[in-house]
């Protein structure tokens, strides 16, 4: 049971980090976004959680 809870906690932490990174990249000027190839492609907005 604790193993499952740890996986869920880790999934939520990863999703939070991904949202934060996406938000920071979206705040960059359009020229910089273009230079780094952001957005690179159509990725899903949310990750699949293990439950």
N, C-alpha and C. Protein backbone atom coordinates (compact mmCIF):
# COMPACT_ATOMS: atom_id res chain seq x y z
N UNK A 1 0.83 -1.19 0.00
CA UNK A 1 0.00 0.00 0.00
C UNK A 1 0.88 1.26 0.00
N UNK A 2 1.94 1.27 0.81
CA UNK A 2 2.80 2.45 0.87
C UNK A 2 3.53 2.68 -0.45
N UNK A 3 3.83 1.60 -1.14
CA UNK A 3 4.50 1.70 -2.43
C UNK A 3 3.60 2.45 -3.43
N UNK A 4 2.31 2.12 -3.42
CA UNK A 4 1.36 2.79 -4.30
C UNK A 4 1.22 4.27 -3.94
N UNK A 5 1.17 4.56 -2.65
CA UNK A 5 1.06 5.95 -2.22
C UNK A 5 2.29 6.76 -2.63
N UNK A 6 3.46 6.14 -2.53
CA UNK A 6 4.69 6.83 -2.94
C UNK A 6 4.69 7.09 -4.44
N UNK A 7 4.18 6.15 -5.24
CA UNK A 7 4.10 6.37 -6.69
C UNK A 7 3.14 7.50 -7.01
N UNK A 8 2.03 7.56 -6.30
CA UNK A 8 1.05 8.63 -6.53
C UNK A 8 1.66 9.98 -6.15
N UNK A 9 2.34 10.03 -5.02
CA UNK A 9 2.98 11.27 -4.58
C UNK A 9 4.03 11.71 -5.60
N UNK A 10 4.80 10.78 -6.10
CA UNK A 10 5.83 11.10 -7.09
C UNK A 10 5.20 11.60 -8.39
N UNK A 11 4.09 11.00 -8.78
CA UNK A 11 3.40 11.44 -10.01
C UNK A 11 2.87 12.86 -9.85
N UNK A 12 2.32 13.18 -8.69
CA UNK A 12 1.83 14.53 -8.47
C UNK A 12 2.99 15.53 -8.45
N UNK A 13 4.10 15.16 -7.85
CA UNK A 13 5.27 16.04 -7.82
C UNK A 13 5.79 16.29 -9.23
N UNK A 14 5.84 15.25 -10.04
CA UNK A 14 6.31 15.39 -11.43
C UNK A 14 5.35 16.28 -12.23
N UNK A 15 4.05 16.10 -12.03
CA UNK A 15 3.08 16.92 -12.74
C UNK A 15 3.21 18.38 -12.34
N UNK A 16 3.44 18.64 -11.06
CA UNK A 16 3.60 20.01 -10.57
C UNK A 16 4.84 20.65 -11.19
N UNK A 17 5.93 19.90 -11.23
CA UNK A 17 7.17 20.42 -11.81
C UNK A 17 6.98 20.70 -13.30
N UNK A 18 6.28 19.81 -14.00
CA UNK A 18 6.04 20.01 -15.43
C UNK A 18 5.20 21.26 -15.69
N UNK A 19 4.16 21.46 -14.87
CA UNK A 19 3.32 22.66 -15.03
C UNK A 19 4.12 23.93 -14.78
N UNK A 20 4.97 23.91 -13.76
CA UNK A 20 5.80 25.07 -13.44
C UNK A 20 6.76 25.39 -14.59
N UNK A 21 7.40 24.36 -15.13
CA UNK A 21 8.33 24.55 -16.24
C UNK A 21 7.61 25.08 -17.47
N UNK A 22 6.45 24.52 -17.77
CA UNK A 22 5.67 24.97 -18.92
C UNK A 22 5.27 26.43 -18.76
N UNK A 23 4.86 26.80 -17.56
CA UNK A 23 4.46 28.19 -17.29
C UNK A 23 5.65 29.12 -17.50
N UNK A 24 6.83 28.73 -17.01
CA UNK A 24 8.02 29.56 -17.18
C UNK A 24 8.42 29.70 -18.65
N UNK A 25 8.32 28.62 -19.41
CA UNK A 25 8.65 28.68 -20.83
C UNK A 25 7.64 29.55 -21.59
N UNK A 26 6.38 29.48 -21.21
CA UNK A 26 5.37 30.29 -21.87
C UNK A 26 5.53 31.78 -21.59
N UNK A 27 6.22 32.11 -20.49
CA UNK A 27 6.43 33.52 -20.15
C UNK A 27 7.61 34.14 -20.89
N UNK A 28 8.41 33.30 -21.58
CA UNK A 28 9.54 33.83 -22.35
C UNK A 28 9.04 34.62 -23.55
N UNK A 29 9.83 35.58 -24.03
CA UNK A 29 9.44 36.31 -25.24
C UNK A 29 9.30 35.36 -26.44
N UNK A 30 8.43 35.69 -27.37
CA UNK A 30 8.20 34.82 -28.54
C UNK A 30 9.47 34.51 -29.32
N UNK A 31 10.39 35.47 -29.39
CA UNK A 31 11.63 35.24 -30.15
C UNK A 31 12.46 34.14 -29.50
N UNK A 32 12.53 34.16 -28.17
CA UNK A 32 13.30 33.15 -27.45
C UNK A 32 12.61 31.79 -27.57
N UNK A 33 11.28 31.78 -27.47
CA UNK A 33 10.54 30.53 -27.62
C UNK A 33 10.82 29.90 -28.99
N UNK A 34 10.85 30.73 -30.00
CA UNK A 34 11.13 30.24 -31.36
C UNK A 34 12.55 29.68 -31.44
N UNK A 35 13.51 30.36 -30.83
CA UNK A 35 14.91 29.92 -30.86
C UNK A 35 15.11 28.56 -30.21
N UNK A 36 14.39 28.31 -29.13
CA UNK A 36 14.57 27.03 -28.42
C UNK A 36 13.59 25.97 -28.91
N UNK A 37 12.72 26.34 -29.85
CA UNK A 37 11.77 25.36 -30.39
C UNK A 37 10.59 25.08 -29.50
N UNK A 38 10.16 26.10 -28.77
CA UNK A 38 9.01 25.94 -27.88
C UNK A 38 7.79 26.56 -28.51
N UNK A 39 6.67 25.99 -28.56
CA UNK A 39 6.38 24.61 -28.19
C UNK A 39 6.84 23.67 -29.29
N UNK A 40 7.45 22.59 -28.88
CA UNK A 40 8.05 21.65 -29.81
C UNK A 40 7.05 20.76 -30.51
N UNK A 41 5.94 20.51 -29.92
CA UNK A 41 4.95 19.63 -30.52
C UNK A 41 3.75 19.53 -29.62
N UNK A 42 2.81 18.77 -30.07
CA UNK A 42 1.58 18.61 -29.29
C UNK A 42 1.78 17.53 -28.23
N UNK A 43 2.02 17.96 -27.01
CA UNK A 43 2.15 17.03 -25.89
C UNK A 43 0.89 17.14 -25.05
N UNK A 44 0.51 16.06 -24.42
CA UNK A 44 -0.68 16.14 -23.57
C UNK A 44 -0.45 17.10 -22.40
N UNK A 45 -1.51 17.76 -21.98
CA UNK A 45 -1.42 18.73 -20.89
C UNK A 45 -1.16 18.07 -19.54
N UNK A 46 -1.68 16.88 -19.38
CA UNK A 46 -1.56 16.20 -18.10
C UNK A 46 -0.85 14.87 -18.29
N UNK A 47 -0.18 14.42 -17.26
CA UNK A 47 0.44 13.11 -17.33
C UNK A 47 -0.56 12.08 -16.86
N UNK A 48 -0.29 10.85 -17.19
CA UNK A 48 -1.15 9.77 -16.71
C UNK A 48 -0.74 9.40 -15.29
N UNK A 49 -1.68 9.46 -14.40
CA UNK A 49 -1.40 9.13 -13.00
C UNK A 49 -1.65 7.64 -12.79
N UNK A 50 -0.88 7.02 -11.92
CA UNK A 50 -0.99 5.57 -11.73
C UNK A 50 -2.15 5.13 -10.86
N UNK A 51 -3.30 5.73 -11.02
CA UNK A 51 -4.47 5.29 -10.26
C UNK A 51 -5.72 5.59 -11.02
